[in-house]
Amino acid sequence: MNDSAPAVRLRVITRDIDPIDGVDDLLAVTDPQDPTVWSRRGDVLVARGRAAEFGSVDEAGGARGAREVSAWWRDIVAAAEVDDPVELPGTGLVAFGALPFDVRSDVRRPGPAPTSFFVPRVIVGRRDARSWVTTIVDATSDADAAASPPERVGFGPHWSATVGPGALTPDAYQRAVRAGIDAIDDGEVEKVVLARDLAGTVPADADLRRLVRALSSSYPDTWAFAVDGLIGASPETLVTVSHGTVTARVLAGTIARGADADADTAASLSLATSAKDLDEHGYAVRSVLEALRPSTSSLVAGEQPFMLKLPNVWHLATDVEGELAGDASSLDLVAALHPTAAVAGTPTDAALDVIRRLEPFDRGRYAGPVGWIDARGDGEWAIALRCAQFHLEARPDAASPTAAAPIPFTAYAGAGIVAASDPESEMLETRVKFRPIVDALA
């Protein structure tokens, strides 16, 4: 679909269904080889099919970001017929998206398009004690929009991935960090976030829902997601909008958990008192507040960061909350916020230039926004971290003689570089951040 085409008219029906208690029962609804999942603390959305899809490339051949997606979504919402007596977050007309880290992302590179944004045909959700199903069809067709859950598909066999170095080896990453520190010393930037990559493959018939299940069970306090082959468990909320309330969680500053209770306490204290990490965190919080102020009122943030404990790391964290002013949607706030200093650096434009110069790959959707939005503009968006991008376009047809060819993926992890950064320490930080996705892949 392009910008000049008329908006698709969709018919949407949401109905309550009997409660679904098990995560496996919900995952069984989605496609084993191209799952769509959004999950956190027992609240789950799963989906399958495509009722409408946003074109990921503009007329000039460039990637599209949240602003273009938001305009398209408003047209879709205006034309839709929605029957939603349930009226819970995630019911009615809902779209899922995984957007590019950099709108200058190379759309001609091999792999998935930088932008993915689509309306599924069927969504099944659970929040608190209620479950529901939403069916979405083209309103101009004779298709049946009766709200009934799709058949469940049993899990395929267990599998494991092969994982190896990517374009930026650990040694090369340390050289990139030194170059980033040079850019800081030269006054080009105050902070820059540099990432490195891992590359690997999974079997052609891999049931990717197993990866989602492993991540959501091991890291229940993160946003576990699967959107168009981007699968991960992010600890960082970019922005959530619900009934006029806007919230965000800023994470910047990381240290590995200790091997025992005493070491863990020492690690937490070290991070909490680290001038380098507190400076890095301050940049990130200020960037979020500056981006949200024009669209919110009574915006507040914690005076001091708190320690967020995850199974593998401690993070410095600050929660931000405000009230929406005007009619901005969650996608509009995504456009205003991204990229934050937590994933790019400060000043943003200069940091992006340094990233483009020092990283020998295109990040694609890594560190970009991932989440969902509904017809009211409410939604939940995280930053795509602790994730891997699977190249689903490389998956062969089952009847093809190359059906056994493995499916490639790329995983990324980054660290915030400031003047006081140590290249080896930053490399070790990325190793810790890789652990959730690498362990789950194994």
Protein backbone atom coordinates (compact mmCIF):
# COMPACT_ATOMS: atom_id res chain seq x y z
CA MET A 1 0.00 0.00 0.00
CA ASN A 2 1.32 3.53 -0.77
CA ASP A 3 0.43 6.98 0.51
CA SER A 4 -1.69 7.87 -2.53
CA ALA A 5 -3.86 4.75 -2.28
CA PRO A 6 -7.19 4.99 -0.46
CA ALA A 7 -7.15 3.63 3.09
CA VAL A 8 -8.19 0.01 3.50
CA ARG A 9 -11.64 -0.28 5.09
CA LEU A 10 -11.51 -2.86 7.84
CA ARG A 11 -14.28 -4.55 9.80
CA VAL A 12 -13.23 -5.40 13.37
CA ILE A 13 -15.06 -7.60 15.88
CA THR A 14 -13.80 -8.30 19.42
CA ARG A 15 -15.50 -10.71 21.80
CA ASP A 16 -14.78 -12.21 25.22
CA ILE A 17 -13.79 -15.88 25.21
CA ASP A 18 -13.25 -18.41 27.97
CA PRO A 19 -10.15 -17.55 30.03
CA ILE A 20 -6.85 -18.86 28.64
CA ASP A 21 -4.48 -19.58 31.48
CA GLY A 22 -1.41 -21.13 29.90
CA VAL A 23 1.17 -19.19 27.90
CA ASP A 24 1.63 -22.25 25.71
CA ASP A 25 -2.08 -22.21 24.85
CA LEU A 26 -1.78 -18.60 23.68
CA LEU A 27 1.44 -19.19 21.74
CA ALA A 28 -0.24 -22.15 20.03
CA VAL A 29 -2.50 -19.63 18.25
CA THR A 30 0.29 -17.83 16.41
CA ASP A 31 2.36 -18.96 13.42
CA PRO A 32 5.18 -21.33 14.47
CA GLN A 33 7.61 -19.92 11.90
CA ASP A 34 6.51 -16.27 11.93
CA PRO A 35 5.01 -15.62 15.37
CA THR A 36 3.48 -12.32 16.43
CA VAL A 37 3.63 -11.96 20.23
CA TRP A 38 3.64 -9.20 22.86
CA SER A 39 3.92 -10.38 26.45
CA ARG A 40 4.77 -9.08 29.90
CA ARG A 41 3.90 -10.26 33.41
CA GLY A 42 1.13 -12.55 32.16
CA ASP A 43 -0.54 -10.01 29.87
CA VAL A 44 -0.26 -11.42 26.36
CA LEU A 45 -1.26 -10.55 22.80
CA VAL A 46 -0.71 -13.09 20.03
CA ALA A 47 -1.73 -12.74 16.40
CA ARG A 48 -1.51 -14.25 12.96
CA GLY A 49 -2.15 -13.21 9.37
CA ARG A 50 -2.17 -9.77 7.76
CA ALA A 51 -5.37 -7.78 7.12
CA ALA A 52 -3.47 -4.62 6.12
CA GLU A 53 0.19 -3.68 5.86
CA PHE A 54 2.10 -0.42 5.65
CA GLY A 55 4.57 0.00 2.80
CA SER A 56 8.04 0.12 4.31
CA VAL A 57 9.74 2.13 1.55
CA ASP A 58 8.93 5.70 0.46
CA GLU A 59 8.79 6.96 -3.13
CA ALA A 60 12.46 7.95 -2.99
CA GLY A 61 13.44 4.47 -1.87
CA GLY A 62 14.17 5.38 1.75
CA ALA A 63 13.04 3.79 5.00
CA ARG A 64 9.93 5.07 6.74
CA GLY A 65 9.73 5.90 10.41
CA ALA A 66 7.09 6.48 13.06
CA ARG A 67 5.78 9.78 11.62
CA GLU A 68 4.85 8.21 8.28
CA VAL A 69 3.43 5.14 10.00
CA SER A 70 1.32 7.34 12.31
CA ALA A 71 -0.26 9.20 9.38
CA TRP A 72 -1.14 5.91 7.67
CA TRP A 73 -2.59 4.52 10.90
CA ARG A 74 -4.88 7.52 11.36
CA ASP A 75 -6.33 6.87 7.90
CA ILE A 76 -6.85 3.19 8.70
CA VAL A 77 -8.60 4.03 11.99
CA ALA A 78 -10.84 6.67 10.37
CA ALA A 79 -12.10 4.18 7.79
CA ALA A 80 -12.57 1.17 10.10
CA GLU A 81 -15.81 -0.31 11.45
CA VAL A 82 -15.05 -1.44 15.01
CA ASP A 83 -17.33 -3.53 17.25
CA ASP A 84 -15.50 -3.82 20.59
CA PRO A 85 -17.64 -4.23 23.72
CA VAL A 86 -14.61 -5.54 25.66
CA GLU A 87 -12.71 -2.21 25.60
CA LEU A 88 -9.50 -3.35 27.27
CA PRO A 89 -5.96 -2.39 26.27
CA GLY A 90 -5.20 -4.49 23.19
CA THR A 91 -8.80 -5.05 22.07
CA GLY A 92 -10.50 -3.72 18.93
CA LEU A 93 -8.42 -2.51 16.00
CA VAL A 94 -4.74 -3.14 16.78
CA ALA A 95 -1.55 -2.99 14.71
CA PHE A 96 1.92 -4.28 15.52
CA GLY A 97 5.15 -2.62 14.47
CA ALA A 98 8.93 -2.95 14.44
CA LEU A 99 10.46 0.29 13.19
CA PRO A 100 14.01 1.19 12.12
CA PHE A 101 16.67 2.48 14.46
CA ASP A 102 17.77 4.92 11.77
CA VAL A 103 15.43 6.29 9.09
CA ARG A 104 18.50 6.42 6.85
CA SER A 105 18.65 2.63 7.11
CA ASP A 106 19.67 1.04 3.81
CA VAL A 107 16.53 -0.53 2.34
CA ARG A 108 18.65 -2.19 -0.36
CA ARG A 109 20.72 -4.25 2.06
CA PRO A 110 20.02 -8.00 2.31
CA GLY A 111 17.50 -8.99 4.93
CA PRO A 112 14.14 -7.75 6.18
CA ALA A 113 12.87 -4.27 5.32
CA PRO A 114 13.70 -1.77 8.08
CA THR A 115 10.03 -0.96 8.73
CA SER A 116 7.32 -3.49 9.54
CA PHE A 117 3.84 -2.31 10.54
CA PHE A 118 0.70 -4.38 10.00
CA VAL A 119 -2.82 -5.17 11.14
CA PRO A 120 -3.25 -8.92 11.81
CA ARG A 121 -6.28 -10.93 10.73
CA VAL A 122 -6.74 -12.53 14.16
CA ILE A 123 -5.59 -11.38 17.61
CA VAL A 124 -6.05 -13.33 20.82
CA GLY A 125 -5.33 -11.56 24.08
CA ARG A 126 -5.27 -12.01 27.83
CA ARG A 127 -5.16 -9.30 30.48
CA ASP A 128 -5.75 -9.99 34.15
CA ALA A 129 -8.48 -12.66 34.24
CA ARG A 130 -10.08 -11.88 30.87
CA SER A 131 -9.37 -13.31 27.43
CA TRP A 132 -10.67 -12.20 24.07
CA VAL A 133 -10.41 -12.70 20.34
CA THR A 134 -10.45 -10.04 17.63
CA THR A 135 -11.10 -10.84 13.98
CA ILE A 136 -10.28 -8.27 11.28
CA VAL A 137 -11.36 -8.48 7.63
CA ASP A 138 -11.65 -6.21 4.62
CA ALA A 139 -15.02 -4.46 5.01
CA THR A 140 -15.57 -4.45 1.23
CA SER A 141 -15.36 -8.25 0.98
CA ASP A 142 -17.78 -10.99 1.94
CA ALA A 143 -15.29 -12.49 4.40
CA ASP A 144 -16.70 -13.68 7.71
CA ALA A 145 -15.67 -11.43 10.62
CA ALA A 146 -17.15 -13.63 13.33
CA ALA A 147 -14.88 -13.53 16.37
CA SER A 148 -13.61 -17.06 16.91
CA PRO A 149 -10.11 -18.18 17.90
CA PRO A 150 -8.05 -19.88 15.20
CA GLU A 151 -7.00 -23.48 15.58
CA ARG A 152 -4.06 -24.09 17.88
CA VAL A 153 -0.90 -25.61 16.47
CA GLY A 154 1.25 -27.86 18.66
CA PHE A 155 4.89 -26.97 19.25
CA GLY A 156 7.50 -28.35 16.89
CA PRO A 157 10.59 -30.21 18.08
CA HIS A 158 13.29 -28.56 20.16
CA TRP A 159 16.13 -26.97 18.21
CA SER A 160 19.33 -25.08 18.86
CA ALA A 161 21.06 -22.34 16.92
CA THR A 162 24.60 -21.96 15.69
CA VAL A 163 26.07 -18.62 16.78
CA GLY A 164 29.36 -16.99 15.81
CA PRO A 165 31.07 -13.62 15.40
CA GLY A 166 29.42 -10.98 13.27
CA ALA A 167 30.91 -8.08 11.33
CA LEU A 168 32.38 -6.54 14.49
CA THR A 169 34.53 -8.95 16.53
CA PRO A 170 35.29 -8.27 20.21
CA ASP A 171 38.71 -6.85 19.32
CA ALA A 172 37.27 -4.72 16.53
CA TYR A 173 34.57 -3.50 18.91
CA GLN A 174 37.20 -2.27 21.36
CA ARG A 175 38.85 -0.36 18.51
CA ALA A 176 35.46 1.17 17.67
CA VAL A 177 35.02 2.19 21.32
CA ARG A 178 38.43 3.92 21.25
CA ALA A 179 37.34 5.77 18.13
CA GLY A 180 34.12 6.76 19.91
CA ILE A 181 36.13 8.12 22.86
CA ASP A 182 38.24 10.09 20.37
CA ALA A 183 35.04 11.61 18.95
CA ILE A 184 34.06 12.62 22.49
CA ASP A 185 37.51 14.09 23.21
CA ASP A 186 37.29 16.05 19.95
CA GLY A 187 33.98 17.59 21.07
CA GLU A 188 31.95 15.84 18.36
CA VAL A 189 29.59 14.17 20.88
CA GLU A 190 29.15 13.88 24.65
CA LYS A 191 27.99 10.26 24.50
CA VAL A 192 27.63 7.66 21.75
CA VAL A 193 26.11 4.18 21.94
CA LEU A 194 28.06 1.61 19.93
CA ALA A 195 26.81 -1.89 19.17
CA ARG A 196 28.38 -5.12 17.98
CA ASP A 197 26.75 -8.11 16.32
CA LEU A 198 26.60 -11.89 16.36
CA ALA A 199 25.53 -13.97 13.37
CA GLY A 200 24.00 -17.43 13.29
CA THR A 201 21.44 -19.80 11.85
CA VAL A 202 18.52 -21.92 13.00
CA PRO A 203 17.05 -24.98 11.26
CA ALA A 204 14.71 -24.20 8.36
CA ASP A 205 11.76 -25.74 10.20
CA ALA A 206 12.54 -24.15 13.59
CA ASP A 207 9.45 -23.37 15.67
CA LEU A 208 10.35 -19.83 16.74
CA ARG A 209 7.63 -19.82 19.39
CA ARG A 210 10.02 -21.88 21.50
CA LEU A 211 12.40 -18.92 21.57
CA VAL A 212 9.59 -16.56 22.63
CA ARG A 213 8.57 -18.97 25.38
CA ALA A 214 12.13 -19.29 26.67
CA LEU A 215 12.57 -15.51 26.83
CA SER A 216 9.19 -14.75 28.41
CA SER A 217 9.62 -17.43 31.09
CA SER A 218 13.22 -16.48 31.94
CA TYR A 219 12.63 -12.70 31.86
CA PRO A 220 8.97 -12.16 32.89
CA ASP A 221 9.51 -8.48 33.79
CA THR A 222 10.66 -7.58 30.28
CA TRP A 223 8.64 -7.01 27.13
CA ALA A 224 8.88 -10.35 25.29
CA PHE A 225 8.10 -9.72 21.63
CA ALA A 226 8.01 -11.31 18.20
CA VAL A 227 7.18 -9.05 15.26
CA ASP A 228 8.05 -10.00 11.68
CA GLY A 229 11.03 -12.13 12.68
CA LEU A 230 12.35 -9.71 15.33
CA ILE A 231 12.31 -11.70 18.58
CA GLY A 232 13.57 -10.57 21.95
CA ALA A 233 12.96 -9.58 25.58
CA SER A 234 13.50 -5.87 26.16
CA PRO A 235 13.79 -4.36 29.64
CA GLU A 236 13.30 -0.81 28.33
CA THR A 237 9.92 0.84 27.82
CA LEU A 238 10.13 3.53 25.16
CA VAL A 239 6.61 4.82 25.89
CA THR A 240 3.21 3.55 27.00
CA VAL A 241 -0.03 5.50 26.56
CA SER A 242 -3.18 4.33 28.35
CA HIS A 243 -6.30 6.47 28.80
CA GLY A 244 -4.35 9.71 28.74
CA THR A 245 -1.47 8.61 30.99
CA VAL A 246 2.01 8.53 29.47
CA THR A 247 4.79 6.46 31.03
CA ALA A 248 8.36 5.62 30.05
CA ARG A 249 11.26 3.82 31.66
CA VAL A 250 14.81 4.95 30.99
CA LEU A 251 17.64 2.44 31.35
CA ALA A 252 21.27 3.50 30.99
CA GLY A 253 24.11 2.15 33.06
CA THR A 254 24.63 -1.61 33.40
CA ILE A 255 26.67 -4.07 35.43
CA ALA A 256 26.66 -7.88 35.55
CA ARG A 257 25.02 -9.58 38.54
CA GLY A 258 27.40 -10.97 41.17
CA ALA A 259 28.13 -14.68 41.52
CA ASP A 260 26.86 -14.74 45.15
CA ALA A 261 24.89 -12.46 47.48
CA ASP A 262 27.89 -10.44 48.64
CA ALA A 263 29.27 -10.00 45.13
CA ASP A 264 25.81 -9.05 43.89
CA THR A 265 25.43 -6.37 46.55
CA ALA A 266 28.88 -5.05 45.70
CA ALA A 267 28.03 -4.93 42.00
CA SER A 268 24.80 -3.02 42.70
CA LEU A 269 26.62 -0.51 44.92
CA SER A 270 29.37 -0.05 42.35
CA LEU A 271 26.85 0.84 39.66
CA ALA A 272 24.81 3.09 41.94
CA THR A 273 27.89 5.17 42.77
CA SER A 274 29.62 5.13 39.36
CA ALA A 275 30.12 8.70 38.13
CA LYS A 276 30.56 7.42 34.57
CA ASP A 277 27.28 5.47 34.61
CA LEU A 278 25.35 8.23 36.40
CA ASP A 279 26.48 10.71 33.75
CA GLU A 280 25.41 8.34 30.99
CA HIS A 281 22.04 7.84 32.70
CA GLY A 282 21.50 11.57 33.09
CA TYR A 283 21.94 12.12 29.34
CA ALA A 284 19.29 9.50 28.64
CA VAL A 285 16.73 10.87 31.13
CA ARG A 286 17.10 14.43 29.86
CA SER A 287 16.58 13.33 26.26
CA VAL A 288 13.30 11.61 27.17
CA LEU A 289 11.98 14.57 29.18
CA GLU A 290 12.83 17.04 26.42
CA ALA A 291 11.06 14.89 23.81
CA LEU A 292 7.88 14.33 25.86
CA ARG A 293 7.33 17.84 27.26
CA PRO A 294 5.64 19.32 24.15
CA SER A 295 2.99 16.57 24.18
CA THR A 296 2.38 16.20 27.92
CA SER A 297 1.48 18.04 31.09
CA SER A 298 2.62 17.43 34.69
CA LEU A 299 5.58 15.40 33.45
CA VAL A 300 7.71 14.07 36.31
CA ALA A 301 10.73 11.81 36.70
CA GLY A 302 12.45 10.34 39.72
CA GLU A 303 15.12 12.62 41.19
CA GLN A 304 17.56 9.71 41.44
CA PRO A 305 17.72 6.49 39.43
CA PHE A 306 16.74 3.24 41.11
CA MET A 307 18.41 -0.15 40.73
CA LEU A 308 16.53 -2.48 38.39
CA LYS A 309 17.42 -6.13 39.00
CA LEU A 310 17.18 -8.58 36.11
CA PRO A 311 18.35 -12.21 36.13
CA ASN A 312 21.65 -11.31 34.44
CA VAL A 313 22.30 -7.60 35.09
CA TRP A 314 21.65 -4.55 37.25
CA HIS A 315 20.46 -1.41 35.44
CA LEU A 316 20.21 2.20 36.53
CA ALA A 317 16.56 3.03 35.86
CA THR A 318 14.29 6.07 36.02
CA ASP A 319 10.53 6.07 35.51
CA VAL A 320 8.86 9.02 33.80
CA GLU A 321 5.12 9.77 33.96
CA GLY A 322 2.83 12.52 32.67
CA GLU A 323 -0.58 13.27 31.26
CA LEU A 324 -1.21 13.51 27.53
CA ALA A 325 -1.89 17.03 26.30
CA GLY A 326 -3.76 17.15 22.98
CA ASP A 327 -4.50 14.27 20.64
CA ALA A 328 -1.04 12.78 20.17
CA SER A 329 -1.02 8.98 19.81
CA SER A 330 1.53 6.58 21.19
CA LEU A 331 3.07 6.48 17.68
CA ASP A 332 3.37 10.27 17.68
CA LEU A 333 5.27 10.04 20.97
CA VAL A 334 7.45 7.27 19.53
CA ALA A 335 8.32 9.66 16.68
CA ALA A 336 9.20 12.40 19.17
CA LEU A 337 11.26 10.15 21.44
CA HIS A 338 13.23 7.93 19.12
CA PRO A 339 16.16 7.62 19.11
CA THR A 340 16.83 8.40 22.76
CA ALA A 341 20.25 9.04 24.21
CA ALA A 342 20.06 5.55 25.76
CA VAL A 343 20.42 3.91 22.33
CA ALA A 344 22.05 6.64 20.20
CA GLY A 345 23.89 9.25 22.26
CA THR A 346 24.05 13.01 22.78
CA PRO A 347 23.59 15.21 20.75
CA THR A 348 21.41 12.82 18.79
CA ASP A 349 22.22 13.83 15.21
CA ALA A 350 25.96 13.93 15.86
CA ALA A 351 25.80 10.58 17.66
CA LEU A 352 23.98 9.02 14.69
CA ASP A 353 26.74 10.26 12.41
CA VAL A 354 29.37 8.62 14.63
CA ILE A 355 27.39 5.36 14.73
CA ARG A 356 27.12 5.30 10.94
CA ARG A 357 30.87 5.86 10.69
CA LEU A 358 32.04 3.33 13.29
CA GLU A 359 29.57 0.44 13.03
CA PRO A 360 30.27 -1.73 9.94
CA PHE A 361 26.64 -2.83 9.62
CA ASP A 362 23.13 -1.42 9.37
CA ARG A 363 21.26 -1.91 12.65
CA GLY A 364 17.94 -2.37 10.87
CA ARG A 365 15.30 -2.70 13.59
CA TYR A 366 17.72 -3.31 16.47
CA ALA A 367 17.35 -0.54 19.09
CA GLY A 368 14.31 0.75 17.20
CA PRO A 369 10.72 0.94 18.50
CA VAL A 370 8.72 -2.29 18.74
CA GLY A 371 5.17 -2.64 20.04
CA TRP A 372 1.50 -2.12 19.26
CA ILE A 373 -1.11 0.64 18.94
CA ASP A 374 -4.92 0.60 19.05
CA ALA A 375 -7.63 2.74 17.47
CA ARG A 376 -7.61 5.19 20.40
CA GLY A 377 -3.90 5.80 19.92
CA ASP A 378 -3.06 3.95 23.13
CA GLY A 379 -0.27 1.43 22.95
CA GLU A 380 2.85 -0.11 24.42
CA TRP A 381 6.25 0.45 22.79
CA ALA A 382 9.62 -0.87 23.90
CA ILE A 383 13.11 -0.42 22.52
CA ALA A 384 14.14 -3.54 20.58
CA LEU A 385 17.00 -4.76 22.78
CA ARG A 386 18.18 -8.26 23.81
CA CYS A 387 16.88 -9.48 20.49
CA ALA A 388 17.68 -11.25 17.22
CA GLN A 389 16.38 -10.51 13.74
CA PHE A 390 15.53 -13.66 11.78
CA HIS A 391 15.67 -13.40 8.01
CA LEU A 392 12.29 -14.97 7.33
CA GLU A 393 12.49 -14.01 3.66
CA ALA A 394 15.26 -16.62 3.37
CA ARG A 395 13.01 -19.41 4.65
CA PRO A 396 12.56 -21.85 1.75
CA ASP A 397 9.26 -23.27 0.64
CA ALA A 398 8.61 -26.72 2.10
CA ALA A 399 8.46 -28.20 -1.40
CA SER A 400 11.78 -26.64 -2.43
CA PRO A 401 14.85 -28.84 -2.83
CA THR A 402 16.65 -26.38 -0.52
CA ALA A 403 14.05 -26.85 2.22
CA ALA A 404 16.77 -27.98 4.65
CA ALA A 405 18.77 -24.74 4.30
CA PRO A 406 19.15 -23.01 7.68
CA ILE A 407 17.60 -19.61 8.38
CA PRO A 408 20.07 -16.82 9.18
CA PHE A 409 19.70 -14.35 12.03
CA THR A 410 21.66 -11.45 13.52
CA ALA A 411 21.75 -10.43 17.19
CA TYR A 412 23.06 -7.13 18.55
CA ALA A 413 24.14 -5.62 21.87
CA GLY A 414 25.50 -2.17 22.62
CA ALA A 415 27.01 0.00 25.33
CA GLY A 416 26.96 3.72 26.04
CA ILE A 417 30.36 5.31 25.51
CA VAL A 418 31.36 8.43 27.46
CA ALA A 419 34.72 10.09 28.07
CA ALA A 420 35.53 7.82 31.02
CA SER A 421 34.71 4.58 29.17
CA ASP A 422 37.16 1.67 29.14
CA PRO A 423 37.04 -0.29 25.83
CA GLU A 424 37.47 -3.72 27.43
CA SER A 425 34.79 -3.03 30.07
CA GLU A 426 32.36 -1.87 27.39
CA MET A 427 33.01 -5.02 25.36
CA LEU A 428 32.35 -7.16 28.44
CA GLU A 429 29.12 -5.24 29.02
CA THR A 430 27.90 -6.24 25.55
CA ARG A 431 28.76 -9.86 26.35
CA VAL A 432 26.48 -9.71 29.40
CA LYS A 433 23.71 -8.11 27.33
CA PHE A 434 23.97 -10.86 24.72
CA ARG A 435 23.36 -13.53 27.35
CA PRO A 436 19.51 -13.56 27.36
CA ILE A 437 19.15 -14.10 23.62
CA VAL A 438 22.18 -16.41 23.28
CA ASP A 439 21.04 -18.63 26.18
CA ALA A 440 17.53 -18.83 24.73
CA LEU A 441 18.86 -19.69 21.27
CA ALA A 442 20.86 -22.55 22.78
